[in-house]
């Protein structure tokens, strides 16, 4: 196969340094555009539907000012006992979240959306199960004081100090970080842009695949 004449630079519709680090790890050229989207849940909306909807809204928001480019976006939530745990607003709230999670298993759902240059948006969701080891308040307080939990759903980052709290991950590790890599690459491929070890190649996936276009209009 020969390299495709498609843009090598993606637009990341996210200010998350974790998502940027994953793209850098894959050596995918990109630039960042912050989406203008209010991250609010809708009444009766499931966590999985929420993250997919928000990822699509973020991609569309940036596509309006970056037309003709490949746009990628994501959204992640932590769910414990059907309750969505957002980003803590204070150290005290971070400690409370961490003590809820310790010794238990919770879900992390990450939505991904890809907007192709023709404006079509494809999306999907990856959900993983994360089990924390038991720990006491002194551990939760010490971790919260590092500042790491303050901009993260569920008050922890698995790719940082938070790794010391995690006993087991069942599912996509990178989905827990915030960008499930395989899902992202699948959505790009379905849109016609396949990335393979540093090169873009033509994709043979059908662009009209309804299943690949996501479940949210």
N, C-alpha and C. Protein backbone atom coordinates (compact mmCIF):
# COMPACT_ATOMS: atom_id res chain seq x y z
N UNK A 1 0.84 -1.19 0.00
CA UNK A 1 0.00 0.00 0.00
C UNK A 1 0.88 1.24 0.00
N UNK A 2 0.40 2.29 -0.63
CA UNK A 2 1.13 3.54 -0.64
C UNK A 2 0.51 4.51 0.36
N UNK A 3 1.28 5.51 0.74
CA UNK A 3 0.76 6.51 1.66
C UNK A 3 -0.35 7.30 0.99
N UNK A 4 -1.35 7.65 1.81
CA UNK A 4 -2.47 8.41 1.29
C UNK A 4 -2.16 9.90 1.29
N UNK A 5 -2.75 10.60 0.34
CA UNK A 5 -2.61 12.05 0.30
C UNK A 5 -3.68 12.67 1.18
N UNK A 6 -3.57 12.45 2.48
CA UNK A 6 -4.52 13.00 3.45
C UNK A 6 -3.72 13.77 4.49
N UNK A 7 -4.39 14.67 5.22
CA UNK A 7 -3.66 15.49 6.19
C UNK A 7 -2.97 14.64 7.24
N UNK A 8 -1.73 14.96 7.54
CA UNK A 8 -1.00 14.26 8.57
C UNK A 8 -1.27 14.84 9.95
N UNK A 9 -1.80 16.06 9.99
CA UNK A 9 -2.04 16.70 11.27
C UNK A 9 -3.50 16.65 11.64
N UNK A 10 -3.79 16.04 12.80
CA UNK A 10 -5.15 16.03 13.33
C UNK A 10 -5.36 17.26 14.20
N UNK A 11 -6.61 17.58 14.46
CA UNK A 11 -6.94 18.63 15.42
C UNK A 11 -7.56 17.95 16.64
N UNK A 12 -6.92 18.11 17.78
CA UNK A 12 -7.40 17.53 19.03
C UNK A 12 -8.32 18.53 19.71
N UNK A 13 -9.60 18.18 19.80
CA UNK A 13 -10.60 19.06 20.41
C UNK A 13 -10.65 18.79 21.91
N UNK A 14 -9.56 19.11 22.58
CA UNK A 14 -9.46 18.83 24.01
C UNK A 14 -8.27 19.57 24.59
N UNK A 15 -8.44 20.05 25.82
CA UNK A 15 -7.32 20.66 26.52
C UNK A 15 -6.64 19.70 27.46
N UNK A 16 -7.02 18.41 27.40
CA UNK A 16 -6.47 17.41 28.31
C UNK A 16 -5.02 17.07 27.97
N UNK A 17 -4.10 17.27 28.89
CA UNK A 17 -2.72 16.87 28.62
C UNK A 17 -2.56 15.36 28.48
N UNK A 18 -3.44 14.57 29.11
CA UNK A 18 -3.35 13.12 28.99
C UNK A 18 -3.65 12.67 27.56
N UNK A 19 -4.67 13.25 26.94
CA UNK A 19 -4.99 12.88 25.56
C UNK A 19 -3.87 13.32 24.63
N UNK A 20 -3.31 14.49 24.87
CA UNK A 20 -2.19 14.96 24.06
C UNK A 20 -0.99 14.03 24.20
N UNK A 21 -0.73 13.57 25.41
CA UNK A 21 0.41 12.66 25.63
C UNK A 21 0.23 11.34 24.89
N UNK A 22 -1.00 10.85 24.80
CA UNK A 22 -1.24 9.59 24.08
C UNK A 22 -0.98 9.77 22.59
N UNK A 23 -1.40 10.89 22.02
CA UNK A 23 -1.12 11.13 20.61
C UNK A 23 0.38 11.29 20.37
N UNK A 24 1.06 11.95 21.29
CA UNK A 24 2.52 12.08 21.18
C UNK A 24 3.20 10.72 21.27
N UNK A 25 2.69 9.86 22.14
CA UNK A 25 3.23 8.51 22.27
C UNK A 25 3.14 7.76 20.95
N UNK A 26 2.04 7.96 20.21
CA UNK A 26 1.83 7.29 18.92
C UNK A 26 2.51 8.02 17.77
N UNK A 27 3.13 9.17 18.08
CA UNK A 27 3.79 10.00 17.07
C UNK A 27 2.82 10.47 15.99
N UNK A 28 1.62 10.80 16.43
CA UNK A 28 0.62 11.35 15.52
C UNK A 28 0.69 12.87 15.59
N UNK A 29 1.01 13.54 14.50
CA UNK A 29 1.04 15.02 14.52
C UNK A 29 -0.36 15.58 14.79
N UNK A 30 -0.43 16.60 15.63
CA UNK A 30 -1.71 17.21 15.94
C UNK A 30 -1.50 18.62 16.46
N UNK A 31 -2.58 19.37 16.44
CA UNK A 31 -2.60 20.65 17.15
C UNK A 31 -3.87 20.69 17.98
N UNK A 32 -3.89 21.55 18.97
CA UNK A 32 -4.99 21.59 19.93
C UNK A 32 -5.91 22.78 19.66
N UNK A 33 -7.20 22.52 19.68
CA UNK A 33 -8.22 23.56 19.66
C UNK A 33 -9.20 23.23 20.79
N UNK A 34 -9.43 24.18 21.69
CA UNK A 34 -10.31 23.92 22.82
C UNK A 34 -11.78 24.07 22.40
N UNK A 35 -12.60 23.06 22.62
CA UNK A 35 -14.00 23.15 22.22
C UNK A 35 -14.79 24.04 23.16
N UNK A 36 -15.82 24.66 22.63
CA UNK A 36 -16.71 25.50 23.43
C UNK A 36 -17.97 24.70 23.74
N UNK A 37 -17.84 23.80 24.72
CA UNK A 37 -18.94 22.90 25.07
C UNK A 37 -19.07 22.85 26.59
N UNK A 38 -20.29 23.01 27.09
CA UNK A 38 -20.54 22.90 28.52
C UNK A 38 -20.74 21.43 28.85
N UNK A 39 -19.93 20.91 29.76
CA UNK A 39 -19.94 19.47 30.06
C UNK A 39 -20.98 19.17 31.14
N UNK A 40 -22.23 19.10 30.72
CA UNK A 40 -23.32 18.83 31.64
C UNK A 40 -24.05 17.56 31.23
N UNK A 41 -24.50 16.81 32.24
CA UNK A 41 -25.31 15.62 31.97
C UNK A 41 -26.75 16.02 31.75
N UNK A 42 -27.45 15.27 30.90
CA UNK A 42 -28.87 15.49 30.69
C UNK A 42 -29.67 14.58 31.62
N UNK A 43 -30.85 15.01 31.97
CA UNK A 43 -31.70 14.25 32.88
C UNK A 43 -31.97 12.86 32.31
N UNK A 44 -31.74 11.84 33.11
CA UNK A 44 -32.00 10.46 32.70
C UNK A 44 -30.98 9.88 31.75
N UNK A 45 -29.92 10.60 31.49
CA UNK A 45 -28.91 10.15 30.53
C UNK A 45 -27.93 9.19 31.20
N UNK A 46 -27.65 8.07 30.55
CA UNK A 46 -26.67 7.12 31.08
C UNK A 46 -25.26 7.70 30.92
N UNK A 47 -24.33 7.17 31.70
CA UNK A 47 -22.95 7.65 31.63
C UNK A 47 -22.36 7.41 30.25
N UNK A 48 -22.65 6.25 29.65
CA UNK A 48 -22.10 5.95 28.34
C UNK A 48 -22.67 6.88 27.27
N UNK A 49 -23.95 7.14 27.35
CA UNK A 49 -24.55 8.04 26.37
C UNK A 49 -24.01 9.47 26.57
N UNK A 50 -23.79 9.84 27.82
CA UNK A 50 -23.28 11.18 28.12
C UNK A 50 -21.91 11.41 27.48
N UNK A 51 -20.98 10.46 27.69
CA UNK A 51 -19.62 10.69 27.19
C UNK A 51 -19.58 10.66 25.66
N UNK A 52 -20.44 9.84 25.04
CA UNK A 52 -20.45 9.81 23.58
C UNK A 52 -21.05 11.11 23.03
N UNK A 53 -22.12 11.58 23.66
CA UNK A 53 -22.74 12.83 23.20
C UNK A 53 -21.76 14.00 23.34
N UNK A 54 -21.11 14.10 24.49
CA UNK A 54 -20.20 15.21 24.72
C UNK A 54 -19.00 15.16 23.78
N UNK A 55 -18.49 13.95 23.51
CA UNK A 55 -17.37 13.83 22.57
C UNK A 55 -17.80 14.32 21.19
N UNK A 56 -19.00 13.96 20.76
CA UNK A 56 -19.49 14.40 19.46
C UNK A 56 -19.69 15.93 19.44
N UNK A 57 -20.23 16.48 20.53
CA UNK A 57 -20.43 17.93 20.59
C UNK A 57 -19.10 18.67 20.53
N UNK A 58 -18.09 18.14 21.20
CA UNK A 58 -16.77 18.77 21.19
C UNK A 58 -16.17 18.73 19.78
N UNK A 59 -16.30 17.60 19.12
CA UNK A 59 -15.76 17.48 17.75
C UNK A 59 -16.47 18.46 16.82
N UNK A 60 -17.78 18.54 16.92
CA UNK A 60 -18.53 19.44 16.06
C UNK A 60 -18.21 20.90 16.35
N UNK A 61 -18.02 21.22 17.64
CA UNK A 61 -17.69 22.59 18.03
C UNK A 61 -16.41 23.07 17.37
N UNK A 62 -15.40 22.22 17.38
CA UNK A 62 -14.12 22.59 16.78
C UNK A 62 -14.18 22.53 15.26
N UNK A 63 -14.96 21.59 14.72
CA UNK A 63 -15.07 21.47 13.26
C UNK A 63 -15.65 22.74 12.64
N UNK A 64 -16.47 23.47 13.40
CA UNK A 64 -17.07 24.70 12.88
C UNK A 64 -16.01 25.74 12.54
N UNK A 65 -14.87 25.71 13.25
CA UNK A 65 -13.82 26.69 12.97
C UNK A 65 -12.58 26.07 12.34
N UNK A 66 -12.62 24.76 12.12
CA UNK A 66 -11.49 24.06 11.47
C UNK A 66 -12.04 23.16 10.36
N UNK A 67 -12.83 23.72 9.49
CA UNK A 67 -13.47 22.92 8.45
C UNK A 67 -12.43 22.30 7.53
N UNK A 68 -12.76 21.12 7.03
CA UNK A 68 -11.86 20.42 6.12
C UNK A 68 -10.72 19.70 6.80
N UNK A 69 -10.76 19.59 8.14
CA UNK A 69 -9.70 18.90 8.87
C UNK A 69 -10.27 17.68 9.59
N UNK A 70 -9.38 16.80 9.97
CA UNK A 70 -9.76 15.67 10.81
C UNK A 70 -9.77 16.16 12.26
N UNK A 71 -10.91 16.00 12.94
CA UNK A 71 -11.07 16.45 14.33
C UNK A 71 -11.29 15.22 15.21
N UNK A 72 -10.60 15.15 16.34
CA UNK A 72 -10.85 14.07 17.29
C UNK A 72 -11.14 14.67 18.66
N UNK A 73 -12.05 14.04 19.39
CA UNK A 73 -12.47 14.54 20.69
C UNK A 73 -12.80 13.39 21.61
N UNK A 74 -12.78 13.65 22.91
CA UNK A 74 -13.09 12.61 23.87
C UNK A 74 -13.73 13.17 25.12
N UNK A 75 -14.36 12.29 25.88
CA UNK A 75 -14.92 12.65 27.18
C UNK A 75 -14.90 11.41 28.06
N UNK A 76 -14.64 11.59 29.35
CA UNK A 76 -14.47 10.45 30.26
C UNK A 76 -15.20 10.71 31.57
N UNK A 77 -15.86 9.67 32.09
CA UNK A 77 -16.48 9.77 33.41
C UNK A 77 -16.15 8.53 34.23
N UNK A 78 -16.18 8.72 35.54
CA UNK A 78 -16.01 7.63 36.50
C UNK A 78 -17.38 7.37 37.14
N UNK A 79 -17.76 6.11 37.22
CA UNK A 79 -19.08 5.77 37.75
C UNK A 79 -18.94 4.76 38.89
N UNK A 80 -19.53 5.09 40.03
CA UNK A 80 -19.54 4.19 41.18
C UNK A 80 -20.98 4.07 41.67
N UNK A 81 -21.48 2.85 41.71
CA UNK A 81 -22.86 2.60 42.15
C UNK A 81 -23.86 3.49 41.39
N UNK A 82 -23.68 3.55 40.06
CA UNK A 82 -24.55 4.33 39.18
C UNK A 82 -24.46 5.84 39.40
N UNK A 83 -23.50 6.29 40.19
CA UNK A 83 -23.29 7.73 40.41
C UNK A 83 -22.05 8.18 39.64
N UNK A 84 -22.21 9.23 38.86
CA UNK A 84 -21.09 9.78 38.10
C UNK A 84 -20.26 10.67 39.02
N UNK A 85 -18.96 10.37 39.09
CA UNK A 85 -18.04 11.18 39.88
C UNK A 85 -17.29 12.10 38.93
N UNK A 86 -17.51 13.38 39.07
CA UNK A 86 -16.84 14.34 38.21
C UNK A 86 -15.50 14.77 38.77
N UNK A 87 -15.05 15.95 38.35
CA UNK A 87 -13.79 16.48 38.85
C UNK A 87 -14.03 17.15 40.20
N UNK A 88 -13.19 16.89 41.19
CA UNK A 88 -13.40 17.50 42.51
C UNK A 88 -13.17 19.01 42.46
N UNK A 89 -13.94 19.73 43.28
CA UNK A 89 -13.81 21.18 43.33
C UNK A 89 -12.91 21.64 44.47
N UNK A 90 -12.49 20.71 45.32
CA UNK A 90 -11.63 21.05 46.45
C UNK A 90 -10.86 19.81 46.88
N UNK A 91 -9.83 20.00 47.68
CA UNK A 91 -9.07 18.87 48.22
C UNK A 91 -9.97 17.99 49.07
N UNK A 92 -10.85 18.62 49.84
CA UNK A 92 -11.76 17.85 50.70
C UNK A 92 -12.67 16.95 49.87
N UNK A 93 -13.17 17.48 48.74
CA UNK A 93 -14.03 16.66 47.88
C UNK A 93 -13.23 15.54 47.22
N UNK A 94 -11.98 15.82 46.85
CA UNK A 94 -11.12 14.78 46.28
C UNK A 94 -10.91 13.65 47.28
N UNK A 95 -10.63 14.00 48.52
CA UNK A 95 -10.44 12.98 49.56
C UNK A 95 -11.70 12.15 49.73
N UNK A 96 -12.85 12.80 49.75
CA UNK A 96 -14.12 12.07 49.92
C UNK A 96 -14.34 11.09 48.77
N UNK A 97 -14.04 11.52 47.53
CA UNK A 97 -14.19 10.63 46.38
C UNK A 97 -13.26 9.44 46.50
N UNK A 98 -12.02 9.70 46.83
CA UNK A 98 -11.02 8.63 46.93
C UNK A 98 -11.42 7.61 47.99
N UNK A 99 -11.97 8.08 49.10
CA UNK A 99 -12.38 7.15 50.15
C UNK A 99 -13.60 6.34 49.73
N UNK A 100 -14.44 6.90 48.86
CA UNK A 100 -15.54 6.12 48.30
C UNK A 100 -15.02 5.01 47.39
N UNK A 101 -13.96 5.30 46.64
CA UNK A 101 -13.44 4.35 45.65
C UNK A 101 -12.54 3.28 46.26
N UNK A 102 -11.89 3.58 47.38
CA UNK A 102 -10.89 2.65 47.91
C UNK A 102 -11.48 1.29 48.24
N UNK A 103 -10.75 0.25 47.82
CA UNK A 103 -11.16 -1.12 48.09
C UNK A 103 -12.33 -1.61 47.25
N UNK A 104 -12.75 -0.83 46.27
CA UNK A 104 -13.93 -1.19 45.49
C UNK A 104 -13.64 -1.12 43.99
N UNK A 105 -14.59 -1.63 43.20
CA UNK A 105 -14.48 -1.61 41.74
C UNK A 105 -15.45 -0.58 41.19
N UNK A 106 -14.97 0.25 40.26
CA UNK A 106 -15.81 1.24 39.61
C UNK A 106 -15.65 1.14 38.10
N UNK A 107 -16.47 1.86 37.37
CA UNK A 107 -16.42 1.86 35.91
C UNK A 107 -15.86 3.19 35.41
N UNK A 108 -15.10 3.11 34.33
CA UNK A 108 -14.62 4.30 33.64
C UNK A 108 -15.07 4.19 32.19
N UNK A 109 -15.90 5.16 31.76
CA UNK A 109 -16.37 5.18 30.37
C UNK A 109 -15.74 6.35 29.64
N UNK A 110 -15.16 6.06 28.48
CA UNK A 110 -14.56 7.10 27.65
C UNK A 110 -15.22 7.11 26.28
N UNK A 111 -15.77 8.26 25.91
CA UNK A 111 -16.34 8.42 24.59
C UNK A 111 -15.33 9.05 23.66
N UNK A 112 -15.33 8.63 22.40
CA UNK A 112 -14.43 9.17 21.38
C UNK A 112 -15.27 9.55 20.17
N UNK A 113 -14.96 10.70 19.59
CA UNK A 113 -15.63 11.11 18.35
C UNK A 113 -14.58 11.57 17.34
N UNK A 114 -14.79 11.19 16.09
CA UNK A 114 -13.92 11.60 14.98
C UNK A 114 -14.77 12.27 13.92
N UNK A 115 -14.43 13.51 13.60
CA UNK A 115 -15.11 14.23 12.53
C UNK A 115 -14.18 14.28 11.33
N UNK A 116 -14.60 13.69 10.21
CA UNK A 116 -13.78 13.67 9.01
C UNK A 116 -13.89 14.99 8.27
N UNK A 117 -13.01 15.26 7.31
CA UNK A 117 -13.04 16.54 6.60
C UNK A 117 -14.37 16.85 5.91
N UNK A 118 -15.16 15.81 5.59
CA UNK A 118 -16.46 16.06 4.96
C UNK A 118 -17.56 16.36 5.97
N UNK A 119 -17.20 16.41 7.26
CA UNK A 119 -18.15 16.78 8.30
C UNK A 119 -18.88 15.63 8.96
N UNK A 120 -18.64 14.39 8.50
CA UNK A 120 -19.32 13.24 9.11
C UNK A 120 -18.65 12.88 10.44
N UNK A 121 -19.48 12.65 11.45
CA UNK A 121 -18.97 12.32 12.78
C UNK A 121 -19.23 10.86 13.10
N UNK A 122 -18.19 10.16 13.49
CA UNK A 122 -18.29 8.79 13.96
C UNK A 122 -17.88 8.76 15.42
N UNK A 123 -18.49 7.86 16.19
CA UNK A 123 -18.21 7.87 17.62
C UNK A 123 -18.40 6.49 18.22
N UNK A 124 -17.90 6.34 19.43
CA UNK A 124 -18.05 5.09 20.16
C UNK A 124 -17.64 5.29 21.61
N UNK A 125 -17.85 4.25 22.41
CA UNK A 125 -17.57 4.31 23.85
C UNK A 125 -16.83 3.04 24.27
N UNK A 126 -15.86 3.20 25.13
CA UNK A 126 -15.14 2.08 25.73
C UNK A 126 -15.30 2.18 27.24
N UNK A 127 -15.72 1.08 27.88
CA UNK A 127 -15.90 1.07 29.33
C UNK A 127 -14.99 0.02 29.96
N UNK A 128 -14.28 0.42 30.99
CA UNK A 128 -13.36 -0.48 31.71
C UNK A 128 -13.75 -0.53 33.18
N UNK A 129 -13.36 -1.63 33.82
CA UNK A 129 -13.57 -1.81 35.26
C UNK A 129 -12.23 -1.61 35.97
N UNK A 130 -12.24 -0.75 36.98
CA UNK A 130 -11.02 -0.45 37.72
C UNK A 130 -11.25 -0.76 39.19
N UNK A 131 -10.35 -1.54 39.78
CA UNK A 131 -10.44 -1.89 41.20
C UNK A 131 -9.32 -1.22 41.96
N UNK A 132 -9.69 -0.47 43.00
CA UNK A 132 -8.71 0.19 43.87
C UNK A 132 -8.31 -0.75 45.00
N UNK A 133 -7.08 -0.63 45.45
CA UNK A 133 -6.66 -1.31 46.67
C UNK A 133 -7.25 -0.58 47.87
N UNK A 134 -7.35 -1.25 49.01
CA UNK A 134 -7.81 -0.55 50.22
C UNK A 134 -6.74 0.44 50.69
N UNK A 135 -7.17 1.59 51.18
CA UNK A 135 -6.24 2.54 51.81
C UNK A 135 -7.03 3.42 52.76
N UNK A 136 -6.33 4.11 53.65
CA UNK A 136 -7.01 4.92 54.66
C UNK A 136 -6.97 6.41 54.30
N UNK A 137 -7.54 7.21 55.18
CA UNK A 137 -7.66 8.65 54.93
C UNK A 137 -6.30 9.31 54.75
N UNK A 138 -5.29 8.86 55.48
CA UNK A 138 -3.98 9.50 55.38
C UNK A 138 -3.42 9.37 53.96
N UNK A 139 -3.67 8.23 53.31
CA UNK A 139 -3.21 8.02 51.93
C UNK A 139 -4.00 8.93 50.99
N UNK A 140 -5.32 8.97 51.18
CA UNK A 140 -6.16 9.82 50.32
C UNK A 140 -5.76 11.29 50.46
N UNK A 141 -5.50 11.74 51.67
CA UNK A 141 -5.12 13.13 51.89
C UNK A 141 -3.75 13.44 51.28
N UNK A 142 -2.81 12.51 51.44
CA UNK A 142 -1.48 12.72 50.87
C UNK A 142 -1.54 12.80 49.35
N UNK A 143 -2.36 11.94 48.74
CA UNK A 143 -2.49 11.97 47.28
C UNK A 143 -3.18 13.25 46.83
N UNK A 144 -4.22 13.65 47.52
CA UNK A 144 -4.94 14.87 47.15
C UNK A 144 -4.02 16.09 47.23
N UNK A 145 -3.12 16.10 48.19
CA UNK A 145 -2.22 17.25 48.36
C UNK A 145 -1.20 17.35 47.23
N UNK A 146 -1.01 16.29 46.45
CA UNK A 146 -0.10 16.40 45.31
C UNK A 146 -0.69 17.28 44.21
N UNK A 147 -1.99 17.50 44.26
CA UNK A 147 -2.67 18.30 43.24
C UNK A 147 -3.10 17.50 42.02
N UNK A 148 -2.62 16.27 41.90
CA UNK A 148 -2.93 15.47 40.71
C UNK A 148 -4.42 15.20 40.52
N UNK A 149 -5.19 14.98 41.60
CA UNK A 149 -6.60 14.62 41.40
C UNK A 149 -7.49 15.77 40.95
N UNK A 150 -7.03 17.01 41.01
CA UNK A 150 -7.92 18.15 40.94
C UNK A 150 -8.56 18.40 39.57
N UNK A 151 -7.95 17.92 38.51
CA UNK A 151 -8.56 18.13 37.18
C UNK A 151 -8.96 16.82 36.53
N UNK A 152 -9.24 15.82 37.37
CA UNK A 152 -9.53 14.48 36.83
C UNK A 152 -10.84 13.93 37.37
N UNK A 153 -11.60 13.32 36.48
CA UNK A 153 -12.84 12.66 36.90
C UNK A 153 -12.52 11.57 37.90
N UNK A 154 -13.29 11.52 38.99
CA UNK A 154 -13.06 10.52 40.01
C UNK A 154 -11.89 10.82 40.92
N UNK A 155 -11.22 11.95 40.70
CA UNK A 155 -10.14 12.43 41.57
C UNK A 155 -8.88 11.56 41.52
N UNK A 156 -8.60 10.96 40.35
CA UNK A 156 -7.33 10.25 40.24
C UNK A 156 -6.90 10.16 38.79
N UNK A 157 -5.59 9.99 38.62
CA UNK A 157 -5.02 9.78 37.30
C UNK A 157 -4.21 8.50 37.30
N UNK A 158 -4.64 7.53 36.50
CA UNK A 158 -4.00 6.21 36.54
C UNK A 158 -2.59 6.25 35.97
N UNK A 159 -2.27 7.28 35.18
CA UNK A 159 -0.95 7.36 34.56
C UNK A 159 0.03 8.13 35.42
N UNK A 160 -0.38 8.56 36.64
CA UNK A 160 0.49 9.31 37.53
C UNK A 160 0.61 8.61 38.87
N UNK A 161 0.66 9.43 39.95
CA UNK A 161 0.71 8.86 41.29
C UNK A 161 -0.48 7.95 41.56
N UNK A 162 -1.58 8.21 40.87
CA UNK A 162 -2.78 7.40 41.07
C UNK A 162 -2.59 5.94 40.74
N UNK A 163 -1.56 5.61 39.96
CA UNK A 163 -1.28 4.21 39.63
C UNK A 163 -1.04 3.39 40.90
N UNK A 164 -0.56 4.04 41.96
CA UNK A 164 -0.26 3.31 43.20
C UNK A 164 -1.53 2.92 43.95
N UNK A 165 -2.68 3.45 43.53
CA UNK A 165 -3.95 3.13 44.19
C UNK A 165 -4.70 2.01 43.48
N UNK A 166 -4.28 1.67 42.27
CA UNK A 166 -5.03 0.74 41.42
C UNK A 166 -4.50 -0.68 41.54
N UNK A 167 -5.39 -1.59 41.89
CA UNK A 167 -5.02 -3.00 42.00
C UNK A 167 -5.19 -3.74 40.67
N UNK A 168 -6.25 -3.38 39.91
CA UNK A 168 -6.54 -4.14 38.70
C UNK A 168 -7.34 -3.30 37.73
N UNK A 169 -7.06 -3.49 36.42
CA UNK A 169 -7.85 -2.87 35.36
C UNK A 169 -8.35 -3.98 34.44
N UNK A 170 -9.64 -4.01 34.22
CA UNK A 170 -10.25 -4.96 33.29
C UNK A 170 -10.82 -4.16 32.13
N UNK A 171 -10.16 -4.26 30.98
CA UNK A 171 -10.58 -3.48 29.83
C UNK A 171 -9.43 -2.68 29.26
N UNK A 172 -9.75 -1.59 28.61
CA UNK A 172 -8.77 -0.77 27.91
C UNK A 172 -8.10 0.20 28.88
N UNK A 173 -6.82 -0.01 29.14
CA UNK A 173 -6.07 0.87 30.04
C UNK A 173 -6.11 2.31 29.55
N UNK A 174 -5.92 2.50 28.23
CA UNK A 174 -5.88 3.86 27.70
C UNK A 174 -7.24 4.53 27.74
N UNK A 175 -8.31 3.72 27.79
CA UNK A 175 -9.63 4.28 28.01
C UNK A 175 -9.74 4.90 29.38
N UNK A 176 -9.07 4.30 30.36
CA UNK A 176 -9.06 4.84 31.72
C UNK A 176 -8.25 6.14 31.74
N UNK A 177 -7.19 6.21 30.97
CA UNK A 177 -6.40 7.44 30.85
C UNK A 177 -7.26 8.55 30.23
N UNK A 178 -8.14 8.18 29.28
CA UNK A 178 -9.01 9.18 28.68
C UNK A 178 -9.17 9.11 27.18
N UNK A 179 -8.40 8.22 26.52
CA UNK A 179 -8.49 8.09 25.06
C UNK A 179 -8.24 6.63 24.68
N UNK A 180 -9.29 5.79 24.54
CA UNK A 180 -9.07 4.41 24.13
C UNK A 180 -8.45 4.36 22.74
N UNK A 181 -7.21 3.96 22.65
CA UNK A 181 -6.42 4.07 21.42
C UNK A 181 -6.99 3.23 20.29
N UNK A 182 -7.34 1.98 20.56
CA UNK A 182 -7.84 1.10 19.49
C UNK A 182 -9.15 1.64 18.93
N UNK A 183 -10.05 2.11 19.80
CA UNK A 183 -11.31 2.69 19.33
C UNK A 183 -11.05 3.93 18.48
N UNK A 184 -10.15 4.79 18.92
CA UNK A 184 -9.81 5.99 18.16
C UNK A 184 -9.31 5.64 16.76
N UNK A 185 -8.38 4.70 16.67
CA UNK A 185 -7.82 4.32 15.38
C UNK A 185 -8.86 3.63 14.50
N UNK A 186 -9.76 2.86 15.12
CA UNK A 186 -10.83 2.22 14.36
C UNK A 186 -11.75 3.27 13.74
N UNK A 187 -12.10 4.29 14.50
CA UNK A 187 -12.98 5.33 13.98
C UNK A 187 -12.32 6.12 12.86
N UNK A 188 -11.03 6.39 12.99
CA UNK A 188 -10.30 7.05 11.91
C UNK A 188 -10.29 6.17 10.65
N UNK A 189 -10.05 4.88 10.84
CA UNK A 189 -10.00 3.96 9.70
C UNK A 189 -11.36 3.90 9.01
N UNK A 190 -12.43 3.84 9.80
CA UNK A 190 -13.77 3.79 9.22
C UNK A 190 -14.09 5.05 8.43
N UNK A 191 -13.46 6.16 8.80
CA UNK A 191 -13.66 7.40 8.08
C UNK A 191 -12.77 7.54 6.86
N UNK A 192 -11.82 6.62 6.70
CA UNK A 192 -10.95 6.64 5.53
C UNK A 192 -9.52 7.02 5.80
N UNK A 193 -9.12 7.15 7.07
CA UNK A 193 -7.75 7.52 7.41
C UNK A 193 -7.16 6.48 8.35
N UNK A 194 -6.36 5.59 7.80
CA UNK A 194 -5.77 4.54 8.63
C UNK A 194 -4.34 4.91 8.99
N UNK A 195 -4.07 4.87 10.31
CA UNK A 195 -2.74 5.21 10.81
C UNK A 195 -2.03 3.92 11.21
N UNK A 196 -0.86 3.71 10.62
CA UNK A 196 -0.15 2.46 10.89
C UNK A 196 1.33 2.74 11.16
N UNK A 197 1.69 2.75 12.44
CA UNK A 197 3.08 2.87 12.86
C UNK A 197 3.81 4.05 12.21
N UNK A 198 3.19 5.22 12.34
CA UNK A 198 3.85 6.42 11.88
C UNK A 198 3.48 6.88 10.49
N UNK A 199 2.62 6.12 9.78
CA UNK A 199 2.24 6.50 8.41
C UNK A 199 0.73 6.40 8.23
N UNK A 200 0.20 7.30 7.41
CA UNK A 200 -1.19 7.25 7.00
C UNK A 200 -1.28 6.47 5.69
N UNK A 201 -2.22 5.53 5.63
CA UNK A 201 -2.40 4.75 4.41
C UNK A 201 -3.88 4.76 4.03
N UNK A 202 -4.21 4.44 2.77
CA UNK A 202 -5.63 4.39 2.39
C UNK A 202 -6.37 3.33 3.18
N UNK A 203 -7.57 3.64 3.59
CA UNK A 203 -8.39 2.69 4.32
C UNK A 203 -9.39 2.04 3.39
N UNK A 204 -9.60 0.74 3.55
CA UNK A 204 -10.56 0.02 2.72
C UNK A 204 -11.92 -0.08 3.40
N UNK A 205 -12.05 0.50 4.62
CA UNK A 205 -13.32 0.45 5.34
C UNK A 205 -14.37 1.25 4.60
N UNK A 206 -15.60 0.76 4.60
CA UNK A 206 -16.69 1.46 3.92
C UNK A 206 -17.05 2.72 4.71
N UNK A 207 -17.04 3.87 4.03
CA UNK A 207 -17.34 5.11 4.69
C UNK A 207 -18.82 5.24 5.06
N UNK A 208 -19.65 4.38 4.46
CA UNK A 208 -21.09 4.47 4.73
C UNK A 208 -21.55 3.50 5.80
N UNK A 209 -20.60 2.95 6.55
CA UNK A 209 -20.93 1.96 7.57
C UNK A 209 -21.74 2.63 8.68
N UNK A 210 -23.05 2.35 8.74
CA UNK A 210 -23.90 3.01 9.71
C UNK A 210 -23.50 2.69 11.13
N UNK A 211 -23.07 1.46 11.37
CA UNK A 211 -22.69 1.07 12.73
C UNK A 211 -21.50 1.87 13.21
N UNK A 212 -20.64 2.27 12.28
CA UNK A 212 -19.45 3.01 12.67
C UNK A 212 -19.74 4.47 12.92
N UNK A 213 -20.91 4.93 12.53
CA UNK A 213 -21.21 6.35 12.62
C UNK A 213 -21.71 6.77 13.99
N UNK A 214 -21.73 5.84 14.94
CA UNK A 214 -22.16 6.17 16.29
C UNK A 214 -23.67 6.06 16.43
N UNK A 215 -24.12 6.13 17.68
CA UNK A 215 -25.53 5.92 17.98
C UNK A 215 -26.27 7.21 18.27
N UNK A 216 -25.55 8.33 18.32
CA UNK A 216 -26.17 9.59 18.70
C UNK A 216 -26.20 10.52 17.52
N UNK A 217 -27.33 11.08 17.16
CA UNK A 217 -27.41 11.97 15.99
C UNK A 217 -26.73 13.31 16.26
